[in-house]
Amino acid sequence: MKATIDSSGHITVYLNGSQIESATDTTYASGSPGVGFFLQGATGLNANFGFSNYTATDGSSSFTLSASPTTQTVSPGSAASYTTTVAPSGSFTGTVNLSASGLPTGATATFNPTSITTSGSSTLTVTTASTSPTGSYTLTITGTSGSLTQQATPALVLSSSSACDVNRDGSVNVLDAQLAANNYVRCSTTAFQNFYSQVVTGVLSSCPVSTGLHTVTLNWTASTTSGVTYNIYRATTSGGYNYAAPLNSSPITGTSFSDCTVSLGQLYYYVIRSVDGSGNQSANSPEITLSIPSY
């Protein structure tokens, strides 16, 4: 930082070579205005003395408060941690006492340490209960020092790990049942009965659902040969089809089929064969590979 003055008393102030301020003062007609000191008549290494750095302040005193990360996602019954940081502003040297609000029902909050003097960090641990409702919460971390108050607002998301949480919104409710039901719109009455049995079992117990949350629908172009039907084959390895046991229990006369028995997280391979009136089957269609989500 430096300043210059010309014969008219015009003062120009520079920071790292860029002008940041100017003024006119004719009290002194020459010299280099600024902050520093020197030894009168010094020579050699002692010829120049001054401040290597200094801090200017307008006299205000405060602090800033921040929290990281801005969002944490955990399951009910688990704990989430945030780093709360206090940074001084101006001449602030006070002690900041920390508190937290906006917690989920059943959750508790602890700070280590509980206060910070001048600057530093504290770890906020939010411990939730297994009964804490799922959802998104805005936490309010408050730092107080005398009449000064600052806040930080990180987010806490409580998300259910249940397989029945089909739409992954953190709770198992009627929306999940509706979404799962939509996956069965092309299935048979028997498939619907199986599906509702799984939903009722899942909602009322520990949700042991392994199938029924997803449906694979295959569509194909009709054969140019009239009067044919179709068989669908599924395998868990490429080419590993049991041609004696098609997925369809009866011949398919249309050009679509819905597989309602897929398992979560499984990789499947499908082929389609046309069948003439004598029971002769065509070669396989191109193989279709599908990966079922694990939720």
C-alpha atoms as a PDB file:
ATOM      1  CA  MET A   1       0.000   0.000   0.000  1.00  0.00           C
ATOM      2  CA  LYS A   2       1.358   3.464  -0.831  1.00  0.00           C
ATOM      3  CA  ALA A   3       0.271   7.073  -1.265  1.00  0.00           C
ATOM      4  CA  THR A   4       1.617  10.022  -3.269  1.00  0.00           C
ATOM      5  CA  ILE A   5       1.006  13.783  -3.088  1.00  0.00           C
ATOM      6  CA  ASP A   6       1.612  16.414  -5.793  1.00  0.00           C
ATOM      7  CA  SER A   7       2.331  20.143  -5.499  1.00  0.00           C
ATOM      8  CA  SER A   8      -1.397  20.911  -5.451  1.00  0.00           C
ATOM      9  CA  GLY A   9      -1.945  18.732  -2.390  1.00  0.00           C
ATOM     10  CA  HIS A  10      -3.689  15.985  -4.371  1.00  0.00           C
ATOM     11  CA  ILE A  11      -3.214  12.676  -2.512  1.00  0.00           C
ATOM     12  CA  THR A  12      -3.620   9.350  -4.309  1.00  0.00           C
ATOM     13  CA  VAL A  13      -3.750   6.040  -2.438  1.00  0.00           C
ATOM     14  CA  TYR A  14      -2.780   2.729  -4.089  1.00  0.00           C
ATOM     15  CA  LEU A  15      -3.286  -0.900  -3.038  1.00  0.00           C
ATOM     16  CA  ASN A  16      -1.080  -3.400  -4.875  1.00  0.00           C
ATOM     17  CA  GLY A  17      -0.532  -0.838  -7.608  1.00  0.00           C
ATOM     18  CA  SER A  18      -4.235  -0.015  -8.147  1.00  0.00           C
ATOM     19  CA  GLN A  19      -5.730   3.331  -7.129  1.00  0.00           C
ATOM     20  CA  ILE A  20      -8.296   2.928  -4.367  1.00  0.00           C
ATOM     21  CA  GLU A  21      -8.736   6.479  -3.000  1.00  0.00           C
ATOM     22  CA  SER A  22      -7.890  10.113  -3.582  1.00  0.00           C
ATOM     23  CA  ALA A  23      -8.232  13.389  -1.650  1.00  0.00           C
ATOM     24  CA  THR A  24      -6.862  16.925  -1.535  1.00  0.00           C
ATOM     25  CA  ASP A  25      -5.095  18.307   1.529  1.00  0.00           C
ATOM     26  CA  THR A  26      -2.680  21.242   1.349  1.00  0.00           C
ATOM     27  CA  THR A  27      -1.410  20.902   4.909  1.00  0.00           C
ATOM     28  CA  TYR A  28       1.701  19.232   3.555  1.00  0.00           C
ATOM     29  CA  ALA A  29       2.976  20.130   0.081  1.00  0.00           C
ATOM     30  CA  SER A  30       5.396  17.248  -0.310  1.00  0.00           C
ATOM     31  CA  GLY A  31       6.404  13.842   1.039  1.00  0.00           C
ATOM     32  CA  SER A  32       4.757  10.452   1.026  1.00  0.00           C
ATOM     33  CA  PRO A  33       1.705  10.392   3.292  1.00  0.00           C
ATOM     34  CA  GLY A  34       1.019   7.107   5.010  1.00  0.00           C
ATOM     35  CA  VAL A  35       1.773   5.241   8.208  1.00  0.00           C
ATOM     36  CA  GLY A  36       5.357   4.588   9.251  1.00  0.00           C
ATOM     37  CA  PHE A  37       8.414   5.851  11.102  1.00  0.00           C
ATOM     38  CA  PHE A  38      12.087   6.392  10.454  1.00  0.00           C
ATOM     39  CA  LEU A  39      15.311   7.071  12.319  1.00  0.00           C
ATOM     40  CA  GLN A  40      16.575  10.593  11.716  1.00  0.00           C
ATOM     41  CA  GLY A  41      19.983  10.498  10.051  1.00  0.00           C
ATOM     42  CA  ALA A  42      20.201   6.665   9.925  1.00  0.00           C
ATOM     43  CA  THR A  43      22.438   5.115   7.263  1.00  0.00           C
ATOM     44  CA  GLY A  44      23.122   1.665   5.858  1.00  0.00           C
ATOM     45  CA  LEU A  45      20.770  -1.132   6.887  1.00  0.00           C
ATOM     46  CA  ASN A  46      19.066   1.218   9.351  1.00  0.00           C
ATOM     47  CA  ALA A  47      18.244   3.832   6.724  1.00  0.00           C
ATOM     48  CA  ASN A  48      14.608   2.722   6.217  1.00  0.00           C
ATOM     49  CA  PHE A  49      12.245   1.709   8.955  1.00  0.00           C
ATOM     50  CA  GLY A  50       8.463   1.201   8.736  1.00  0.00           C
ATOM     51  CA  PHE A  51       5.591  -1.157   9.318  1.00  0.00           C
ATOM     52  CA  SER A  52       5.724  -4.351   7.239  1.00  0.00           C
ATOM     53  CA  ASN A  53       1.924  -4.597   7.640  1.00  0.00           C
ATOM     54  CA  TYR A  54      -0.897  -2.980   9.548  1.00  0.00           C
ATOM     55  CA  THR A  55      -4.657  -3.350   9.908  1.00  0.00           C
ATOM     56  CA  ALA A  56      -7.051  -0.457   9.609  1.00  0.00           C
ATOM     57  CA  THR A  57     -10.462  -0.595  11.255  1.00  0.00           C
ATOM     58  CA  ASP A  58     -13.438   1.706  11.481  1.00  0.00           C
ATOM     59  CA  GLY A  59     -13.829   0.755  15.148  1.00  0.00           C
ATOM     60  CA  SER A  60     -16.657  -1.775  14.638  1.00  0.00           C
ATOM     61  CA  SER A  61     -16.594  -5.132  16.414  1.00  0.00           C
ATOM     62  CA  SER A  62     -18.532  -8.231  15.309  1.00  0.00           C
ATOM     63  CA  PHE A  63     -18.123 -11.794  14.054  1.00  0.00           C
ATOM     64  CA  THR A  64     -19.444 -14.125  11.354  1.00  0.00           C
ATOM     65  CA  LEU A  65     -20.845 -17.633  11.836  1.00  0.00           C
ATOM     66  CA  SER A  66     -20.826 -20.453   9.261  1.00  0.00           C
ATOM     67  CA  ALA A  67     -21.578 -24.186   9.182  1.00  0.00           C
ATOM     68  CA  SER A  68     -20.395 -26.995   6.925  1.00  0.00           C
ATOM     69  CA  PRO A  69     -21.515 -29.107   5.260  1.00  0.00           C
ATOM     70  CA  THR A  70     -24.650 -27.235   4.293  1.00  0.00           C
ATOM     71  CA  THR A  71     -26.698 -30.471   4.181  1.00  0.00           C
ATOM     72  CA  GLN A  72     -26.458 -33.849   5.912  1.00  0.00           C
ATOM     73  CA  THR A  73     -28.675 -36.892   5.156  1.00  0.00           C
ATOM     74  CA  VAL A  74     -29.050 -39.690   7.723  1.00  0.00           C
ATOM     75  CA  SER A  75     -31.595 -42.317   8.751  1.00  0.00           C
ATOM     76  CA  PRO A  76     -33.724 -41.898  11.915  1.00  0.00           C
ATOM     77  CA  GLY A  77     -31.718 -43.063  14.912  1.00  0.00           C
ATOM     78  CA  SER A  78     -28.415 -41.876  13.413  1.00  0.00           C
ATOM     79  CA  ALA A  79     -26.273 -38.785  14.090  1.00  0.00           C
ATOM     80  CA  ALA A  80     -25.146 -35.952  11.804  1.00  0.00           C
ATOM     81  CA  SER A  81     -22.156 -33.644  12.418  1.00  0.00           C
ATOM     82  CA  TYR A  82     -21.490 -30.075  11.300  1.00  0.00           C
ATOM     83  CA  THR A  83     -18.421 -27.866  11.740  1.00  0.00           C
ATOM     84  CA  THR A  84     -19.423 -24.459  13.111  1.00  0.00           C
ATOM     85  CA  THR A  85     -16.853 -21.704  12.537  1.00  0.00           C
ATOM     86  CA  VAL A  86     -16.561 -18.255  14.149  1.00  0.00           C
ATOM     87  CA  ALA A  87     -14.522 -15.569  12.361  1.00  0.00           C
ATOM     88  CA  PRO A  88     -13.885 -12.132  13.940  1.00  0.00           C
ATOM     89  CA  SER A  89     -14.654  -8.862  12.186  1.00  0.00           C
ATOM     90  CA  GLY A  90     -13.046  -5.566  13.139  1.00  0.00           C
ATOM     91  CA  SER A  91     -11.660  -5.563  16.647  1.00  0.00           C
ATOM     92  CA  PHE A  92     -13.848  -8.405  17.938  1.00  0.00           C
ATOM     93  CA  THR A  93     -12.242 -10.487  20.728  1.00  0.00           C
ATOM     94  CA  GLY A  94     -15.342 -11.704  22.572  1.00  0.00           C
ATOM     95  CA  THR A  95     -16.638 -15.176  23.493  1.00  0.00           C
ATOM     96  CA  VAL A  96     -19.383 -16.628  21.289  1.00  0.00           C
ATOM     97  CA  ASN A  97     -21.829 -19.019  22.980  1.00  0.00           C
ATOM     98  CA  LEU A  98     -23.445 -21.577  20.660  1.00  0.00           C
ATOM     99  CA  SER A  99     -26.937 -23.084  20.565  1.00  0.00           C
ATOM    100  CA  ALA A 100     -29.099 -24.953  18.026  1.00  0.00           C
ATOM    101  CA  SER A 101     -32.823 -25.080  17.251  1.00  0.00           C
ATOM    102  CA  GLY A 102     -35.136 -26.468  14.560  1.00  0.00           C
ATOM    103  CA  LEU A 103     -34.330 -30.093  15.475  1.00  0.00           C
ATOM    104  CA  PRO A 104     -36.568 -33.033  14.529  1.00  0.00           C
ATOM    105  CA  THR A 105     -38.780 -34.406  17.281  1.00  0.00           C
ATOM    106  CA  GLY A 106     -36.733 -36.587  19.626  1.00  0.00           C
ATOM    107  CA  ALA A 107     -33.366 -35.240  18.435  1.00  0.00           C
ATOM    108  CA  THR A 108     -30.688 -33.629  20.621  1.00  0.00           C
ATOM    109  CA  ALA A 109     -27.831 -31.245  19.780  1.00  0.00           C
ATOM    110  CA  THR A 110     -24.408 -30.928  21.433  1.00  0.00           C
ATOM    111  CA  PHE A 111     -21.478 -28.590  20.714  1.00  0.00           C
ATOM    112  CA  ASN A 112     -17.832 -29.408  21.371  1.00  0.00           C
ATOM    113  CA  PRO A 113     -16.695 -26.918  22.592  1.00  0.00           C
ATOM    114  CA  THR A 114     -19.841 -25.048  23.644  1.00  0.00           C
ATOM    115  CA  SER A 115     -18.259 -21.605  23.057  1.00  0.00           C
ATOM    116  CA  ILE A 116     -15.508 -20.007  20.973  1.00  0.00           C
ATOM    117  CA  THR A 117     -13.358 -17.019  21.967  1.00  0.00           C
ATOM    118  CA  THR A 118     -12.444 -14.610  19.149  1.00  0.00           C
ATOM    119  CA  SER A 119     -12.198 -17.270  16.415  1.00  0.00           C
ATOM    120  CA  GLY A 120     -12.204 -21.025  15.901  1.00  0.00           C
ATOM    121  CA  SER A 121     -14.476 -24.003  15.263  1.00  0.00           C
ATOM    122  CA  SER A 122     -16.852 -26.239  17.185  1.00  0.00           C
ATOM    123  CA  THR A 123     -18.408 -29.576  16.189  1.00  0.00           C
ATOM    124  CA  LEU A 124     -22.195 -29.719  16.326  1.00  0.00           C
ATOM    125  CA  THR A 125     -23.551 -33.266  16.660  1.00  0.00           C
ATOM    126  CA  VAL A 126     -27.274 -33.789  16.069  1.00  0.00           C
ATOM    127  CA  THR A 127     -28.392 -37.194  17.363  1.00  0.00           C
ATOM    128  CA  THR A 128     -31.805 -38.273  16.087  1.00  0.00           C
ATOM    129  CA  ALA A 129     -34.162 -40.828  17.606  1.00  0.00           C
ATOM    130  CA  SER A 130     -35.432 -43.914  15.814  1.00  0.00           C
ATOM    131  CA  THR A 131     -38.886 -42.342  16.150  1.00  0.00           C
ATOM    132  CA  SER A 132     -37.841 -38.962  14.680  1.00  0.00           C
ATOM    133  CA  PRO A 133     -40.116 -38.218  11.688  1.00  0.00           C
ATOM    134  CA  THR A 134     -38.490 -38.393   8.273  1.00  0.00           C
ATOM    135  CA  GLY A 135     -38.297 -35.239   6.179  1.00  0.00           C
ATOM    136  CA  SER A 136     -36.156 -32.164   5.596  1.00  0.00           C
ATOM    137  CA  TYR A 137     -35.320 -29.810   8.487  1.00  0.00           C
ATOM    138  CA  THR A 138     -33.630 -26.412   8.563  1.00  0.00           C
ATOM    139  CA  LEU A 139     -31.410 -26.206  11.631  1.00  0.00           C
ATOM    140  CA  THR A 140     -30.633 -22.804  13.130  1.00  0.00           C
ATOM    141  CA  ILE A 141     -27.224 -22.469  14.782  1.00  0.00           C
ATOM    142  CA  THR A 142     -27.065 -19.284  16.867  1.00  0.00           C
ATOM    143  CA  GLY A 143     -23.895 -17.614  18.107  1.00  0.00           C
ATOM    144  CA  THR A 144     -24.313 -15.003  20.852  1.00  0.00           C
ATOM    145  CA  SER A 145     -21.725 -12.639  22.300  1.00  0.00           C
ATOM    146  CA  GLY A 146     -23.208  -9.919  24.472  1.00  0.00           C
ATOM    147  CA  SER A 147     -25.626  -7.965  22.277  1.00  0.00           C
ATOM    148  CA  LEU A 148     -24.204  -9.499  19.088  1.00  0.00           C
ATOM    149  CA  THR A 149     -26.019 -12.439  17.440  1.00  0.00           C
ATOM    150  CA  GLN A 150     -25.225 -14.319  14.241  1.00  0.00           C
ATOM    151  CA  GLN A 151     -26.848 -17.425  12.724  1.00  0.00           C
ATOM    152  CA  ALA A 152     -26.105 -20.254  10.291  1.00  0.00           C
ATOM    153  CA  THR A 153     -28.811 -22.492   8.796  1.00  0.00           C
ATOM    154  CA  PRO A 154     -27.599 -25.912   7.586  1.00  0.00           C
ATOM    155  CA  ALA A 155     -30.105 -28.586   6.513  1.00  0.00           C
ATOM    156  CA  LEU A 156     -30.768 -32.019   7.986  1.00  0.00           C
ATOM    157  CA  VAL A 157     -32.595 -34.650   5.926  1.00  0.00           C
ATOM    158  CA  LEU A 158     -33.974 -37.741   7.655  1.00  0.00           C
ATOM    159  CA  SER A 159     -34.491 -40.426   5.013  1.00  0.00           C
ATOM    160  CA  SER A 160     -35.954 -43.878   5.485  1.00  0.00           C
ATOM    161  CA  SER A 161     -33.849 -46.794   4.262  1.00  0.00           C
ATOM    162  CA  SER A 162     -36.961 -48.930   3.779  1.00  0.00           C
ATOM    163  CA  ALA A 163     -37.383 -50.735   0.467  1.00  0.00           C
ATOM    164  CA  CYS A 164     -41.037 -49.683   0.586  1.00  0.00           C
ATOM    165  CA  ASP A 165     -39.998 -46.049   0.163  1.00  0.00           C
ATOM    166  CA  VAL A 166     -40.444 -46.341  -3.593  1.00  0.00           C
ATOM    167  CA  ASN A 167     -40.187 -42.620  -4.387  1.00  0.00           C
ATOM    168  CA  ARG A 168     -37.275 -42.164  -1.918  1.00  0.00           C
ATOM    169  CA  ASP A 169     -38.835 -39.162  -0.164  1.00  0.00           C
ATOM    170  CA  GLY A 170     -37.881 -40.404   3.309  1.00  0.00           C
ATOM    171  CA  SER A 171     -41.261 -41.863   4.320  1.00  0.00           C
ATOM    172  CA  VAL A 172     -43.499 -44.824   3.494  1.00  0.00           C
ATOM    173  CA  ASN A 173     -47.005 -43.646   2.712  1.00  0.00           C
ATOM    174  CA  VAL A 174     -49.868 -43.843   0.224  1.00  0.00           C
ATOM    175  CA  LEU A 175     -47.729 -42.189  -2.476  1.00  0.00           C
ATOM    176  CA  ASP A 176     -45.419 -45.199  -2.474  1.00  0.00           C
ATOM    177  CA  ALA A 177     -48.389 -47.545  -2.808  1.00  0.00           C
ATOM    178  CA  GLN A 178     -49.757 -45.498  -5.699  1.00  0.00           C
ATOM    179  CA  LEU A 179     -46.397 -45.447  -7.482  1.00  0.00           C
ATOM    180  CA  ALA A 180     -45.955 -49.194  -7.063  1.00  0.00           C
ATOM    181  CA  ALA A 181     -49.530 -49.782  -8.271  1.00  0.00           C
ATOM    182  CA  ASN A 182     -48.814 -47.772 -11.408  1.00  0.00           C
ATOM    183  CA  ASN A 183     -46.054 -50.243 -12.218  1.00  0.00           C
ATOM    184  CA  TYR A 184     -48.712 -52.972 -12.427  1.00  0.00           C
ATOM    185  CA  VAL A 185     -51.233 -51.353 -14.753  1.00  0.00           C
ATOM    186  CA  ARG A 186     -50.515 -53.930 -17.473  1.00  0.00           C
ATOM    187  CA  CYS A 187     -50.428 -56.949 -15.180  1.00  0.00           C
ATOM    188  CA  SER A 188     -53.034 -59.616 -14.540  1.00  0.00           C
ATOM    189  CA  THR A 189     -55.549 -59.786 -11.709  1.00  0.00           C
ATOM    190  CA  THR A 190     -53.368 -62.358  -9.998  1.00  0.00           C
ATOM    191  CA  ALA A 191     -50.415 -59.981 -10.158  1.00  0.00           C
ATOM    192  CA  PHE A 192     -52.528 -57.256  -8.561  1.00  0.00           C
ATOM    193  CA  GLN A 193     -53.504 -59.582  -5.737  1.00  0.00           C
ATOM    194  CA  ASN A 194     -49.867 -60.504  -5.180  1.00  0.00           C
ATOM    195  CA  PHE A 195     -48.888 -56.845  -5.246  1.00  0.00           C
ATOM    196  CA  TYR A 196     -51.451 -55.726  -2.668  1.00  0.00           C
ATOM    197  CA  SER A 197     -50.508 -58.629  -0.454  1.00  0.00           C
ATOM    198  CA  GLN A 198     -46.891 -57.439  -0.524  1.00  0.00           C
ATOM    199  CA  VAL A 199     -47.826 -53.819   0.170  1.00  0.00           C
ATOM    200  CA  VAL A 200     -50.013 -54.752   3.141  1.00  0.00           C
ATOM    201  CA  THR A 201     -47.323 -57.064   4.487  1.00  0.00           C
ATOM    202  CA  GLY A 202     -44.669 -54.389   4.001  1.00  0.00           C
ATOM    203  CA  VAL A 203     -46.568 -51.530   5.605  1.00  0.00           C
ATOM    204  CA  LEU A 204     -47.719 -53.568   8.592  1.00  0.00           C
ATOM    205  CA  SER A 205     -44.419 -55.335   9.266  1.00  0.00           C
ATOM    206  CA  SER A 206     -40.761 -54.891   8.380  1.00  0.00           C
ATOM    207  CA  CYS A 207     -41.339 -54.459   4.647  1.00  0.00           C
ATOM    208  CA  PRO A 208     -39.811 -57.701   3.316  1.00  0.00           C
ATOM    209  CA  VAL A 209     -40.563 -56.751  -0.264  1.00  0.00           C
ATOM    210  CA  SER A 210     -38.274 -58.263  -2.880  1.00  0.00           C
ATOM    211  CA  THR A 211     -40.588 -58.175  -5.896  1.00  0.00           C
ATOM    212  CA  GLY A 212     -43.527 -56.074  -6.985  1.00  0.00           C
ATOM    213  CA  LEU A 213     -41.945 -52.617  -6.915  1.00  0.00           C
ATOM    214  CA  HIS A 214     -40.974 -52.650 -10.595  1.00  0.00           C
ATOM    215  CA  THR A 215     -42.454 -53.988 -13.824  1.00  0.00           C
ATOM    216  CA  VAL A 216     -40.670 -54.764 -17.095  1.00  0.00           C
ATOM    217  CA  THR A 217     -42.859 -54.209 -20.165  1.00  0.00           C
ATOM    218  CA  LEU A 218     -41.719 -55.668 -23.489  1.00  0.00           C
ATOM    219  CA  ASN A 219     -43.117 -54.531 -26.824  1.00  0.00           C
ATOM    220  CA  TRP A 220     -42.287 -55.940 -30.248  1.00  0.00           C
ATOM    221  CA  THR A 221     -43.317 -55.803 -33.916  1.00  0.00           C
ATOM    222  CA  ALA A 222     -45.738 -58.501 -35.048  1.00  0.00           C
ATOM    223  CA  SER A 223     -44.470 -61.334 -37.206  1.00  0.00           C
ATOM    224  CA  THR A 224     -45.306 -61.165 -40.905  1.00  0.00           C
ATOM    225  CA  THR A 225     -46.617 -64.735 -40.596  1.00  0.00           C
ATOM    226  CA  SER A 226     -50.297 -64.766 -39.693  1.00  0.00           C
ATOM    227  CA  GLY A 227     -51.688 -66.840 -36.838  1.00  0.00           C
ATOM    228  CA  VAL A 228     -48.534 -66.982 -34.738  1.00  0.00           C
ATOM    229  CA  THR A 229     -48.282 -66.547 -30.981  1.00  0.00           C
ATOM    230  CA  TYR A 230     -45.282 -65.583 -28.875  1.00  0.00           C
ATOM    231  CA  ASN A 231     -43.250 -66.910 -25.948  1.00  0.00           C
ATOM    232  CA  ILE A 232     -41.109 -64.785 -23.615  1.00  0.00           C
ATOM    233  CA  TYR A 233     -37.955 -66.158 -22.001  1.00  0.00           C
ATOM    234  CA  ARG A 234     -35.953 -64.611 -19.171  1.00  0.00           C
ATOM    235  CA  ALA A 235     -32.522 -65.467 -17.760  1.00  0.00           C
ATOM    236  CA  THR A 236     -30.070 -63.995 -15.266  1.00  0.00           C
ATOM    237  CA  THR A 237     -27.105 -64.754 -17.538  1.00  0.00           C
ATOM    238  CA  SER A 238     -26.777 -63.989 -21.214  1.00  0.00           C
ATOM    239  CA  GLY A 239     -28.067 -66.934 -23.257  1.00  0.00           C
ATOM    240  CA  GLY A 240     -29.065 -68.942 -20.179  1.00  0.00           C
ATOM    241  CA  TYR A 241     -32.705 -69.496 -21.205  1.00  0.00           C
ATOM    242  CA  ASN A 242     -34.877 -72.491 -20.347  1.00  0.00           C
ATOM    243  CA  TYR A 243     -36.918 -72.870 -23.513  1.00  0.00           C
ATOM    244  CA  ALA A 244     -39.141 -75.426 -21.812  1.00  0.00           C
ATOM    245  CA  ALA A 245     -40.403 -72.796 -19.346  1.00  0.00           C
ATOM    246  CA  PRO A 246     -41.473 -69.479 -20.920  1.00  0.00           C
ATOM    247  CA  LEU A 247     -42.479 -66.619 -18.641  1.00  0.00           C
ATOM    248  CA  ASN A 248     -45.972 -66.515 -20.109  1.00  0.00           C
ATOM    249  CA  SER A 249     -48.318 -69.199 -18.793  1.00  0.00           C
ATOM    250  CA  SER A 250     -50.376 -69.175 -22.008  1.00  0.00           C
ATOM    251  CA  PRO A 251     -49.558 -68.207 -25.614  1.00  0.00           C
ATOM    252  CA  ILE A 252     -49.379 -64.467 -26.227  1.00  0.00           C
ATOM    253  CA  THR A 253     -51.430 -63.290 -29.177  1.00  0.00           C
ATOM    254  CA  GLY A 254     -50.609 -59.603 -28.905  1.00  0.00           C
ATOM    255  CA  THR A 255     -47.274 -57.777 -29.171  1.00  0.00           C
ATOM    256  CA  SER A 256     -46.575 -56.814 -25.564  1.00  0.00           C
ATOM    257  CA  PHE A 257     -45.898 -58.514 -22.248  1.00  0.00           C
ATOM    258  CA  SER A 258     -45.399 -57.259 -18.680  1.00  0.00           C
ATOM    259  CA  ASP A 259     -43.094 -59.121 -16.316  1.00  0.00           C
ATOM    260  CA  CYS A 260     -44.341 -58.393 -12.797  1.00  0.00           C
ATOM    261  CA  THR A 261     -42.002 -60.779 -10.971  1.00  0.00           C
ATOM    262  CA  VAL A 262     -38.646 -58.998 -11.191  1.00  0.00           C
ATOM    263  CA  SER A 263     -36.470 -58.763  -8.078  1.00  0.00           C
ATOM    264  CA  LEU A 264     -34.756 -55.665  -6.749  1.00  0.00           C
ATOM    265  CA  GLY A 265     -31.163 -55.121  -7.894  1.00  0.00           C
ATOM    266  CA  GLN A 266     -31.232 -58.000 -10.411  1.00  0.00           C
ATOM    267  CA  LEU A 267     -29.871 -57.984 -13.980  1.00  0.00           C
ATOM    268  CA  TYR A 268     -32.148 -59.755 -16.479  1.00  0.00           C
ATOM    269  CA  TYR A 269     -31.894 -60.910 -20.102  1.00  0.00           C
ATOM    270  CA  TYR A 270     -34.963 -61.359 -22.309  1.00  0.00           C
ATOM    271  CA  VAL A 271     -35.675 -62.890 -25.739  1.00  0.00           C
ATOM    272  CA  ILE A 272     -38.920 -63.373 -27.675  1.00  0.00           C
ATOM    273  CA  ARG A 273     -39.816 -66.280 -29.949  1.00  0.00           C
ATOM    274  CA  SER A 274     -42.772 -66.636 -32.306  1.00  0.00           C
ATOM    275  CA  VAL A 275     -44.659 -69.953 -32.383  1.00  0.00           C
ATOM    276  CA  ASP A 276     -46.637 -71.308 -35.354  1.00  0.00           C
ATOM    277  CA  GLY A 277     -49.761 -73.458 -35.222  1.00  0.00           C
ATOM    278  CA  SER A 278     -47.714 -76.661 -35.051  1.00  0.00           C
ATOM    279  CA  GLY A 279     -45.715 -75.488 -32.058  1.00  0.00           C
ATOM    280  CA  ASN A 280     -42.572 -74.734 -33.992  1.00  0.00           C
ATOM    281  CA  GLN A 281     -40.600 -71.808 -32.531  1.00  0.00           C
ATOM    282  CA  SER A 282     -38.571 -69.225 -34.380  1.00  0.00           C
ATOM    283  CA  ALA A 283     -35.038 -68.226 -33.531  1.00  0.00           C
ATOM    284  CA  ASN A 284     -34.494 -65.787 -30.698  1.00  0.00           C
ATOM    285  CA  SER A 285     -35.152 -62.108 -31.087  1.00  0.00           C
ATOM    286  CA  PRO A 286     -32.230 -59.789 -30.291  1.00  0.00           C
ATOM    287  CA  GLU A 287     -31.417 -60.149 -26.590  1.00  0.00           C
ATOM    288  CA  ILE A 288     -32.684 -57.396 -24.289  1.00  0.00           C
ATOM    289  CA  THR A 289     -30.738 -56.565 -21.124  1.00  0.00           C
ATOM    290  CA  LEU A 290     -32.386 -54.732 -18.204  1.00  0.00           C
ATOM    291  CA  SER A 291     -31.099 -53.836 -14.729  1.00  0.00           C
ATOM    292  CA  ILE A 292     -33.735 -53.526 -11.998  1.00  0.00           C
ATOM    293  CA  PRO A 293     -33.147 -50.740  -9.419  1.00  0.00           C
ATOM    294  CA  SER A 294     -32.295 -51.843  -5.878  1.00  0.00           C
ATOM    295  CA  TYR A 295     -35.084 -49.743  -4.347  1.00  0.00           C
END
